[in-house]
Amino acid sequence: MGRENSPAVTMNPLLSHVVETYASETAKTNSVWRRFADSDLGFTPHPRSTPVLGIFKHQLLSERRFFADFVGLPEPGAPSVLPPSETVAAYASRLVELAAPREAQLAGKPDAWWIEPVEFFDVKRERIWVVWRRILHSAHHRTQLTLYLRLLDKPVPSTYGPTRDETWVGADPTLG
């Protein structure tokens, strides 16, 4: 899971980017989550914003729902998704633990499965669309949490490129 150098092999090489992106996005989310301390779990930047722990819970439960109810993968029941302890380490580990089998299952699906229309809330969409929607939904919540890290004056990890906290030689794409 999250091994960008050794992704799962897909039945159709043209679909490998979907599985690789899911694995990579999970690894990025894990790296952001692990920057929080247990004492940060109740942090919210505004009374109408969701606390860190609420976003963690939402991520795990909504990802389970997307993959079970819309994509059609076997998933644990909702009551068993959240970890038994409310710690950053427990939630981050559970994220990776739940994602690992999905990566392998997605890699083994034939082309027809990916383009089959499935129920998505009150509309029908192709499975590949639903998986991409899931990836984008996860990136949205990860971005919320990177803002929370910045507001807590904690280092923000690199996800798609350098941050003010993590960079490397040649990382700036505007130089050339």
N, C-alpha and C. Protein backbone atom coordinates (compact mmCIF):
# COMPACT_ATOMS: atom_id res chain seq x y z
N MET A 1 0.85 -1.18 0.00
CA MET A 1 0.00 0.00 0.00
C MET A 1 0.89 1.23 0.00
N GLY A 2 0.58 2.14 -0.91
CA GLY A 2 1.32 3.39 -0.94
C GLY A 2 2.75 3.26 -1.42
N ARG A 3 3.08 2.15 -2.08
CA ARG A 3 4.44 1.94 -2.57
C ARG A 3 4.50 2.41 -4.01
N GLU A 4 4.84 3.66 -4.21
CA GLU A 4 4.82 4.22 -5.55
C GLU A 4 5.84 3.53 -6.45
N ASN A 5 6.88 2.90 -5.91
CA ASN A 5 7.87 2.23 -6.74
C ASN A 5 7.45 0.82 -7.11
N SER A 6 6.50 0.21 -6.41
CA SER A 6 6.08 -1.15 -6.72
C SER A 6 4.56 -1.26 -6.66
N PRO A 7 3.88 -0.60 -7.61
CA PRO A 7 2.42 -0.61 -7.60
C PRO A 7 1.87 -1.98 -7.97
N ALA A 8 0.62 -2.21 -7.61
CA ALA A 8 -0.05 -3.44 -8.00
C ALA A 8 -0.14 -3.48 -9.52
N VAL A 9 -0.02 -4.65 -10.09
CA VAL A 9 -0.10 -4.82 -11.53
C VAL A 9 -1.57 -4.93 -11.92
N THR A 10 -2.00 -4.11 -12.84
CA THR A 10 -3.40 -4.13 -13.27
C THR A 10 -3.58 -5.03 -14.48
N MET A 11 -4.82 -5.47 -14.69
CA MET A 11 -5.14 -6.29 -15.86
C MET A 11 -4.94 -5.48 -17.14
N ASN A 12 -5.25 -4.21 -17.10
CA ASN A 12 -5.10 -3.33 -18.24
C ASN A 12 -4.09 -2.24 -17.86
N PRO A 13 -2.95 -2.21 -18.53
CA PRO A 13 -1.94 -1.20 -18.19
C PRO A 13 -2.46 0.24 -18.28
N LEU A 14 -3.46 0.49 -19.12
CA LEU A 14 -4.02 1.84 -19.22
C LEU A 14 -4.76 2.25 -17.96
N LEU A 15 -5.10 1.31 -17.10
CA LEU A 15 -5.79 1.62 -15.85
C LEU A 15 -4.85 1.64 -14.65
N SER A 16 -3.58 1.34 -14.88
CA SER A 16 -2.64 1.29 -13.75
C SER A 16 -2.55 2.64 -13.04
N HIS A 17 -2.73 3.73 -13.78
CA HIS A 17 -2.64 5.05 -13.15
C HIS A 17 -3.70 5.23 -12.07
N VAL A 18 -4.86 4.61 -12.22
CA VAL A 18 -5.92 4.76 -11.22
C VAL A 18 -5.49 4.09 -9.91
N VAL A 19 -5.00 2.87 -10.01
CA VAL A 19 -4.58 2.13 -8.82
C VAL A 19 -3.35 2.79 -8.20
N GLU A 20 -2.41 3.21 -9.02
CA GLU A 20 -1.22 3.88 -8.51
C GLU A 20 -1.58 5.20 -7.83
N THR A 21 -2.52 5.93 -8.40
CA THR A 21 -2.93 7.19 -7.79
C THR A 21 -3.64 6.96 -6.47
N TYR A 22 -4.50 5.96 -6.40
CA TYR A 22 -5.16 5.65 -5.13
C TYR A 22 -4.13 5.32 -4.05
N ALA A 23 -3.15 4.50 -4.39
CA ALA A 23 -2.10 4.13 -3.44
C ALA A 23 -1.29 5.36 -3.02
N SER A 24 -0.93 6.19 -3.98
CA SER A 24 -0.14 7.39 -3.71
C SER A 24 -0.92 8.39 -2.85
N GLU A 25 -2.20 8.58 -3.16
CA GLU A 25 -3.02 9.52 -2.39
C GLU A 25 -3.21 9.04 -0.95
N THR A 26 -3.33 7.73 -0.77
CA THR A 26 -3.45 7.19 0.59
C THR A 26 -2.15 7.44 1.36
N ALA A 27 -1.02 7.24 0.70
CA ALA A 27 0.27 7.49 1.36
C ALA A 27 0.41 8.97 1.73
N LYS A 28 -0.03 9.86 0.86
CA LYS A 28 0.03 11.29 1.14
C LYS A 28 -0.87 11.66 2.31
N THR A 29 -2.08 11.10 2.32
CA THR A 29 -3.00 11.36 3.43
C THR A 29 -2.41 10.87 4.74
N ASN A 30 -1.83 9.69 4.73
CA ASN A 30 -1.18 9.13 5.91
C ASN A 30 -0.07 10.07 6.41
N SER A 31 0.71 10.61 5.48
CA SER A 31 1.82 11.50 5.90
C SER A 31 1.28 12.78 6.53
N VAL A 32 0.15 13.29 6.04
CA VAL A 32 -0.44 14.49 6.64
C VAL A 32 -1.02 14.15 8.01
N TRP A 33 -1.78 13.07 8.11
CA TRP A 33 -2.38 12.69 9.39
C TRP A 33 -1.33 12.54 10.47
N ARG A 34 -0.20 11.92 10.14
CA ARG A 34 0.82 11.63 11.14
C ARG A 34 1.54 12.88 11.65
N ARG A 35 1.32 14.02 11.04
CA ARG A 35 1.91 15.26 11.52
C ARG A 35 1.16 15.84 12.72
N PHE A 36 -0.06 15.34 12.97
CA PHE A 36 -0.84 15.82 14.11
C PHE A 36 -0.43 15.08 15.37
N ALA A 37 -0.58 15.73 16.50
CA ALA A 37 -0.41 15.09 17.81
C ALA A 37 -1.81 14.70 18.32
N ASP A 38 -1.85 13.75 19.23
CA ASP A 38 -3.14 13.36 19.80
C ASP A 38 -3.85 14.57 20.42
N SER A 39 -3.09 15.48 20.95
CA SER A 39 -3.69 16.67 21.57
C SER A 39 -4.32 17.62 20.54
N ASP A 40 -4.06 17.40 19.25
CA ASP A 40 -4.63 18.23 18.18
C ASP A 40 -5.98 17.71 17.68
N LEU A 41 -6.40 16.53 18.10
CA LEU A 41 -7.58 15.90 17.51
C LEU A 41 -8.85 16.73 17.67
N GLY A 42 -8.94 17.55 18.68
CA GLY A 42 -10.11 18.40 18.87
C GLY A 42 -10.00 19.75 18.20
N PHE A 43 -8.86 20.03 17.56
CA PHE A 43 -8.66 21.35 16.95
C PHE A 43 -9.61 21.60 15.80
N THR A 44 -10.15 22.80 15.78
CA THR A 44 -10.94 23.29 14.66
C THR A 44 -10.67 24.78 14.53
N PRO A 45 -10.49 25.27 13.31
CA PRO A 45 -10.17 26.69 13.14
C PRO A 45 -11.38 27.61 13.28
N HIS A 46 -12.56 27.04 13.31
CA HIS A 46 -13.78 27.84 13.38
C HIS A 46 -14.88 26.99 13.99
N PRO A 47 -15.80 27.57 14.73
CA PRO A 47 -16.86 26.77 15.36
C PRO A 47 -17.70 25.95 14.37
N ARG A 48 -17.78 26.39 13.13
CA ARG A 48 -18.55 25.62 12.14
C ARG A 48 -17.69 24.68 11.31
N SER A 49 -16.41 24.60 11.62
CA SER A 49 -15.50 23.67 10.93
C SER A 49 -15.48 22.35 11.68
N THR A 50 -15.14 21.31 10.97
CA THR A 50 -15.03 19.98 11.56
C THR A 50 -13.68 19.83 12.24
N PRO A 51 -13.65 19.29 13.46
CA PRO A 51 -12.35 19.06 14.13
C PRO A 51 -11.52 18.00 13.39
N VAL A 52 -10.24 17.97 13.68
CA VAL A 52 -9.33 17.00 13.07
C VAL A 52 -9.89 15.58 13.20
N LEU A 53 -10.29 15.18 14.40
CA LEU A 53 -10.80 13.82 14.59
C LEU A 53 -12.04 13.57 13.74
N GLY A 54 -12.89 14.55 13.58
CA GLY A 54 -14.07 14.40 12.75
C GLY A 54 -13.72 14.15 11.29
N ILE A 55 -12.68 14.82 10.80
CA ILE A 55 -12.23 14.59 9.42
C ILE A 55 -11.64 13.20 9.29
N PHE A 56 -10.86 12.76 10.27
CA PHE A 56 -10.32 11.39 10.25
C PHE A 56 -11.46 10.38 10.16
N LYS A 57 -12.46 10.53 11.01
CA LYS A 57 -13.59 9.59 11.02
C LYS A 57 -14.33 9.63 9.69
N HIS A 58 -14.59 10.83 9.21
CA HIS A 58 -15.29 10.98 7.93
C HIS A 58 -14.52 10.30 6.81
N GLN A 59 -13.21 10.48 6.78
CA GLN A 59 -12.39 9.87 5.73
C GLN A 59 -12.55 8.35 5.74
N LEU A 60 -12.40 7.74 6.89
CA LEU A 60 -12.48 6.28 6.96
C LEU A 60 -13.88 5.78 6.60
N LEU A 61 -14.89 6.42 7.15
CA LEU A 61 -16.27 5.94 6.92
C LEU A 61 -16.76 6.24 5.51
N SER A 62 -16.44 7.41 4.99
CA SER A 62 -16.91 7.72 3.64
C SER A 62 -16.16 6.90 2.59
N GLU A 63 -14.89 6.63 2.83
CA GLU A 63 -14.14 5.78 1.90
C GLU A 63 -14.73 4.37 1.89
N ARG A 64 -15.06 3.85 3.07
CA ARG A 64 -15.70 2.53 3.13
C ARG A 64 -17.01 2.54 2.35
N ARG A 65 -17.81 3.59 2.53
CA ARG A 65 -19.09 3.66 1.83
C ARG A 65 -18.90 3.73 0.33
N PHE A 66 -17.99 4.57 -0.14
CA PHE A 66 -17.75 4.67 -1.58
C PHE A 66 -17.40 3.31 -2.16
N PHE A 67 -16.42 2.62 -1.53
CA PHE A 67 -15.96 1.37 -2.10
C PHE A 67 -16.97 0.23 -1.94
N ALA A 68 -17.73 0.22 -0.87
CA ALA A 68 -18.73 -0.84 -0.66
C ALA A 68 -20.00 -0.57 -1.46
N ASP A 69 -20.62 0.57 -1.21
CA ASP A 69 -21.95 0.83 -1.76
C ASP A 69 -21.94 1.28 -3.22
N PHE A 70 -20.94 1.99 -3.65
CA PHE A 70 -20.94 2.52 -5.01
C PHE A 70 -20.03 1.72 -5.96
N VAL A 71 -18.82 1.37 -5.50
CA VAL A 71 -17.88 0.65 -6.36
C VAL A 71 -18.15 -0.84 -6.33
N GLY A 72 -18.62 -1.36 -5.20
CA GLY A 72 -18.97 -2.78 -5.12
C GLY A 72 -17.87 -3.70 -4.63
N LEU A 73 -16.92 -3.17 -3.90
CA LEU A 73 -15.87 -4.01 -3.32
C LEU A 73 -16.32 -4.54 -1.96
N PRO A 74 -15.80 -5.68 -1.56
CA PRO A 74 -16.11 -6.16 -0.20
C PRO A 74 -15.41 -5.27 0.82
N GLU A 75 -16.17 -4.80 1.78
CA GLU A 75 -15.66 -3.89 2.80
C GLU A 75 -16.20 -4.33 4.16
N PRO A 76 -15.48 -4.01 5.22
CA PRO A 76 -16.02 -4.30 6.56
C PRO A 76 -17.25 -3.44 6.83
N GLY A 77 -18.08 -3.88 7.73
CA GLY A 77 -19.24 -3.09 8.12
C GLY A 77 -18.79 -1.80 8.77
N ALA A 78 -19.62 -0.77 8.65
CA ALA A 78 -19.29 0.55 9.20
C ALA A 78 -18.91 0.50 10.68
N PRO A 79 -19.60 -0.31 11.53
CA PRO A 79 -19.23 -0.30 12.95
C PRO A 79 -17.80 -0.77 13.25
N SER A 80 -17.19 -1.51 12.31
CA SER A 80 -15.83 -2.01 12.57
C SER A 80 -14.75 -1.21 11.86
N VAL A 81 -15.11 -0.10 11.24
CA VAL A 81 -14.13 0.68 10.47
C VAL A 81 -13.23 1.53 11.37
N LEU A 82 -13.81 2.20 12.33
CA LEU A 82 -13.00 3.10 13.17
C LEU A 82 -12.13 2.29 14.13
N PRO A 83 -10.92 2.78 14.41
CA PRO A 83 -10.04 2.06 15.34
C PRO A 83 -10.57 2.14 16.77
N PRO A 84 -10.16 1.20 17.62
CA PRO A 84 -10.67 1.20 18.99
C PRO A 84 -10.18 2.36 19.85
N SER A 85 -9.03 2.94 19.49
CA SER A 85 -8.53 4.07 20.29
C SER A 85 -8.47 5.32 19.42
N GLU A 86 -8.78 6.45 20.02
CA GLU A 86 -8.78 7.72 19.30
C GLU A 86 -7.41 8.38 19.42
N THR A 87 -6.47 7.82 18.68
CA THR A 87 -5.13 8.38 18.60
C THR A 87 -4.78 8.60 17.13
N VAL A 88 -3.88 9.51 16.88
CA VAL A 88 -3.43 9.75 15.51
C VAL A 88 -2.86 8.47 14.92
N ALA A 89 -2.01 7.79 15.67
CA ALA A 89 -1.39 6.56 15.15
C ALA A 89 -2.43 5.50 14.81
N ALA A 90 -3.44 5.35 15.64
CA ALA A 90 -4.48 4.35 15.38
C ALA A 90 -5.26 4.69 14.11
N TYR A 91 -5.61 5.95 13.94
CA TYR A 91 -6.37 6.35 12.75
C TYR A 91 -5.51 6.24 11.49
N ALA A 92 -4.26 6.68 11.54
CA ALA A 92 -3.39 6.61 10.37
C ALA A 92 -3.13 5.15 9.98
N SER A 93 -2.91 4.31 10.96
CA SER A 93 -2.69 2.89 10.67
C SER A 93 -3.94 2.25 10.06
N ARG A 94 -5.10 2.63 10.57
CA ARG A 94 -6.36 2.08 10.06
C ARG A 94 -6.60 2.53 8.62
N LEU A 95 -6.24 3.76 8.29
CA LEU A 95 -6.36 4.25 6.92
C LEU A 95 -5.60 3.34 5.95
N VAL A 96 -4.36 3.06 6.28
CA VAL A 96 -3.51 2.24 5.43
C VAL A 96 -4.01 0.79 5.42
N GLU A 97 -4.39 0.28 6.56
CA GLU A 97 -4.89 -1.09 6.67
C GLU A 97 -6.13 -1.32 5.81
N LEU A 98 -7.05 -0.38 5.81
CA LEU A 98 -8.27 -0.52 5.01
C LEU A 98 -8.01 -0.34 3.52
N ALA A 99 -7.03 0.48 3.17
CA ALA A 99 -6.76 0.77 1.76
C ALA A 99 -5.99 -0.34 1.06
N ALA A 100 -5.15 -1.06 1.78
CA ALA A 100 -4.28 -2.06 1.15
C ALA A 100 -5.05 -3.10 0.33
N PRO A 101 -6.09 -3.73 0.85
CA PRO A 101 -6.80 -4.71 0.02
C PRO A 101 -7.53 -4.08 -1.17
N ARG A 102 -7.95 -2.85 -1.05
CA ARG A 102 -8.62 -2.18 -2.16
C ARG A 102 -7.69 -2.05 -3.36
N GLU A 103 -6.45 -1.71 -3.09
CA GLU A 103 -5.47 -1.56 -4.17
C GLU A 103 -5.37 -2.85 -4.97
N ALA A 104 -5.23 -3.98 -4.29
CA ALA A 104 -5.13 -5.27 -4.97
C ALA A 104 -6.43 -5.63 -5.69
N GLN A 105 -7.56 -5.37 -5.06
CA GLN A 105 -8.84 -5.68 -5.69
C GLN A 105 -9.05 -4.85 -6.95
N LEU A 106 -8.76 -3.57 -6.88
CA LEU A 106 -8.92 -2.71 -8.05
C LEU A 106 -8.00 -3.14 -9.19
N ALA A 107 -6.80 -3.55 -8.86
CA ALA A 107 -5.84 -3.98 -9.88
C ALA A 107 -6.33 -5.20 -10.64
N GLY A 108 -7.12 -6.04 -9.98
CA GLY A 108 -7.57 -7.28 -10.62
C GLY A 108 -8.85 -7.18 -11.41
N LYS A 109 -9.39 -6.00 -11.57
CA LYS A 109 -10.68 -5.85 -12.26
C LYS A 109 -10.50 -5.67 -13.77
N PRO A 110 -11.37 -6.32 -14.56
CA PRO A 110 -11.30 -6.20 -16.02
C PRO A 110 -11.90 -4.87 -16.51
N ASP A 111 -11.62 -4.53 -17.74
CA ASP A 111 -12.09 -3.27 -18.32
C ASP A 111 -13.59 -3.08 -18.18
N ALA A 112 -14.36 -4.12 -18.47
CA ALA A 112 -15.83 -4.00 -18.43
C ALA A 112 -16.32 -3.60 -17.05
N TRP A 113 -15.66 -4.07 -16.01
CA TRP A 113 -16.05 -3.73 -14.64
C TRP A 113 -15.88 -2.23 -14.41
N TRP A 114 -14.79 -1.66 -14.88
CA TRP A 114 -14.49 -0.26 -14.66
C TRP A 114 -15.50 0.68 -15.33
N ILE A 115 -16.00 0.28 -16.49
CA ILE A 115 -16.90 1.18 -17.22
C ILE A 115 -18.37 0.86 -16.98
N GLU A 116 -18.66 -0.12 -16.17
CA GLU A 116 -20.05 -0.45 -15.86
C GLU A 116 -20.71 0.67 -15.05
N PRO A 117 -21.90 1.12 -15.44
CA PRO A 117 -22.61 2.13 -14.65
C PRO A 117 -23.08 1.54 -13.32
N VAL A 118 -22.89 2.31 -12.26
CA VAL A 118 -23.33 1.89 -10.91
C VAL A 118 -24.10 3.05 -10.27
N GLU A 119 -24.88 2.73 -9.27
CA GLU A 119 -25.61 3.76 -8.54
C GLU A 119 -24.62 4.61 -7.75
N PHE A 120 -24.77 5.90 -7.86
CA PHE A 120 -23.95 6.84 -7.09
C PHE A 120 -24.91 7.89 -6.54
N PHE A 121 -25.27 7.74 -5.29
CA PHE A 121 -26.31 8.54 -4.68
C PHE A 121 -27.56 8.42 -5.54
N ASP A 122 -28.01 9.50 -6.19
CA ASP A 122 -29.25 9.43 -6.95
C ASP A 122 -29.05 9.42 -8.47
N VAL A 123 -27.82 9.11 -8.92
CA VAL A 123 -27.52 9.04 -10.35
C VAL A 123 -26.74 7.77 -10.64
N LYS A 124 -26.55 7.48 -11.91
CA LYS A 124 -25.68 6.37 -12.32
C LYS A 124 -24.41 6.96 -12.93
N ARG A 125 -23.29 6.39 -12.55
CA ARG A 125 -21.99 6.80 -13.08
C ARG A 125 -21.15 5.55 -13.32
N GLU A 126 -20.18 5.65 -14.23
CA GLU A 126 -19.25 4.55 -14.43
C GLU A 126 -18.39 4.39 -13.18
N ARG A 127 -18.02 3.14 -12.89
CA ARG A 127 -17.19 2.89 -11.70
C ARG A 127 -15.91 3.71 -11.70
N ILE A 128 -15.28 3.83 -12.84
CA ILE A 128 -14.02 4.58 -12.88
C ILE A 128 -14.26 6.03 -12.45
N TRP A 129 -15.40 6.59 -12.81
CA TRP A 129 -15.76 7.94 -12.40
C TRP A 129 -15.90 8.00 -10.88
N VAL A 130 -16.56 7.00 -10.30
CA VAL A 130 -16.77 6.97 -8.84
C VAL A 130 -15.43 6.86 -8.11
N VAL A 131 -14.52 6.03 -8.61
CA VAL A 131 -13.21 5.90 -7.97
C VAL A 131 -12.46 7.23 -8.04
N TRP A 132 -12.48 7.89 -9.20
CA TRP A 132 -11.82 9.19 -9.29
C TRP A 132 -12.47 10.21 -8.38
N ARG A 133 -13.78 10.14 -8.27
CA ARG A 133 -14.49 11.06 -7.36
C ARG A 133 -14.03 10.83 -5.92
N ARG A 134 -13.81 9.56 -5.56
CA ARG A 134 -13.32 9.22 -4.22
C ARG A 134 -11.93 9.81 -4.00
N ILE A 135 -11.07 9.66 -4.98
CA ILE A 135 -9.71 10.19 -4.85
C ILE A 135 -9.75 11.71 -4.66
N LEU A 136 -10.58 12.38 -5.43
CA LEU A 136 -10.70 13.83 -5.30
C LEU A 136 -11.29 14.23 -3.96
N HIS A 137 -12.26 13.48 -3.47
CA HIS A 137 -12.86 13.76 -2.17
C HIS A 137 -11.81 13.65 -1.06
N SER A 138 -10.98 12.61 -1.15
CA SER A 138 -9.91 12.43 -0.16
C SER A 138 -8.90 13.57 -0.22
N ALA A 139 -8.55 14.00 -1.44
CA ALA A 139 -7.60 15.11 -1.59
C ALA A 139 -8.17 16.39 -0.99
N HIS A 140 -9.45 16.59 -1.13
CA HIS A 140 -10.11 17.76 -0.54
C HIS A 140 -9.93 17.78 0.98
N HIS A 141 -10.21 16.65 1.63
CA HIS A 141 -10.08 16.61 3.09
C HIS A 141 -8.63 16.67 3.54
N ARG A 142 -7.72 16.11 2.75
CA ARG A 142 -6.30 16.22 3.09
C ARG A 142 -5.87 17.68 3.03
N THR A 143 -6.39 18.42 2.06
CA THR A 143 -6.06 19.84 1.95
C THR A 143 -6.59 20.61 3.16
N GLN A 144 -7.80 20.27 3.61
CA GLN A 144 -8.31 20.90 4.84
C GLN A 144 -7.31 20.71 5.97
N LEU A 145 -6.83 19.48 6.10
CA LEU A 145 -5.93 19.17 7.21
C LEU A 145 -4.57 19.82 7.07
N THR A 146 -4.09 20.04 5.83
CA THR A 146 -2.82 20.75 5.70
C THR A 146 -2.98 22.20 6.16
N LEU A 147 -4.15 22.78 5.91
CA LEU A 147 -4.42 24.12 6.43
C LEU A 147 -4.43 24.10 7.96
N TYR A 148 -5.07 23.09 8.54
CA TYR A 148 -5.09 22.97 10.00
C TYR A 148 -3.66 22.87 10.55
N LEU A 149 -2.81 22.09 9.88
CA LEU A 149 -1.41 21.98 10.32
C LEU A 149 -0.75 23.36 10.32
N ARG A 150 -0.97 24.11 9.24
CA ARG A 150 -0.34 25.42 9.15
C ARG A 150 -0.84 26.33 10.27
N LEU A 151 -2.16 26.29 10.54
CA LEU A 151 -2.72 27.11 11.61
C LEU A 151 -2.20 26.69 12.99
N LEU A 152 -1.85 25.43 13.14
CA LEU A 152 -1.27 24.93 14.39
C LEU A 152 0.24 25.15 14.44
N ASP A 153 0.80 25.77 13.40
CA ASP A 153 2.23 26.03 13.28
C ASP A 153 3.04 24.74 13.30
N LYS A 154 2.50 23.74 12.60
CA LYS A 154 3.20 22.46 12.46
C LYS A 154 3.70 22.34 11.02
N PRO A 155 4.76 21.59 10.79
CA PRO A 155 5.27 21.45 9.42
C PRO A 155 4.28 20.72 8.52
N VAL A 156 4.17 21.20 7.29
CA VAL A 156 3.29 20.61 6.29
C VAL A 156 4.14 19.74 5.38
N PRO A 157 3.80 18.45 5.25
CA PRO A 157 4.61 17.57 4.41
C PRO A 157 4.40 17.85 2.93
N SER A 158 5.37 17.49 2.15
CA SER A 158 5.26 17.57 0.70
C SER A 158 4.23 16.54 0.25
N THR A 159 3.34 16.95 -0.63
CA THR A 159 2.40 15.97 -1.21
C THR A 159 2.58 15.95 -2.72
N TYR A 160 2.35 17.06 -3.40
CA TYR A 160 2.54 17.13 -4.85
C TYR A 160 3.80 17.87 -5.25
N GLY A 161 4.47 18.40 -4.29
CA GLY A 161 5.69 19.16 -4.55
C GLY A 161 6.16 19.76 -3.25
N PRO A 162 7.15 20.61 -3.31
CA PRO A 162 7.73 21.14 -2.10
C PRO A 162 6.76 22.04 -1.32
N THR A 163 6.99 22.12 -0.03
CA THR A 163 6.29 23.08 0.82
C THR A 163 7.36 23.98 1.43
N ARG A 164 6.95 24.93 2.21
CA ARG A 164 7.94 25.77 2.91
C ARG A 164 8.70 24.97 3.95
N ASP A 165 8.16 23.78 4.28
CA ASP A 165 8.77 22.94 5.30
C ASP A 165 9.62 21.81 4.72
N GLU A 166 9.27 21.38 3.52
CA GLU A 166 9.99 20.27 2.88
C GLU A 166 10.25 20.61 1.42
N THR A 167 11.50 20.63 1.05
CA THR A 167 11.86 20.87 -0.34
C THR A 167 13.13 20.11 -0.64
N TRP A 168 13.58 20.17 -1.84
CA TRP A 168 14.80 19.48 -2.26
C TRP A 168 15.34 20.20 -3.50
N VAL A 169 16.59 19.94 -3.82
CA VAL A 169 17.23 20.58 -4.97
C VAL A 169 16.45 20.20 -6.22
N GLY A 170 16.11 21.19 -7.02
CA GLY A 170 15.40 20.94 -8.27
C GLY A 170 13.90 20.79 -8.12
N ALA A 171 13.37 21.03 -6.92
CA ALA A 171 11.95 20.81 -6.69
C ALA A 171 11.07 21.92 -7.26
N ASP A 172 11.61 23.09 -7.47
CA ASP A 172 10.79 24.21 -7.94
C ASP A 172 10.53 24.10 -9.43
N PRO A 173 9.28 23.81 -9.84
CA PRO A 173 8.99 23.64 -11.26
C PRO A 173 8.97 24.95 -12.05
N THR A 174 9.06 26.08 -11.36
CA THR A 174 9.04 27.37 -12.06
C THR A 174 10.44 27.81 -12.50
N LEU A 175 11.44 27.09 -12.05
CA LEU A 175 12.81 27.41 -12.45
C LEU A 175 13.18 26.53 -13.64
N GLY A 176 13.98 27.01 -14.51
CA GLY A 176 14.34 26.14 -15.60
C GLY A 176 15.27 26.72 -16.50
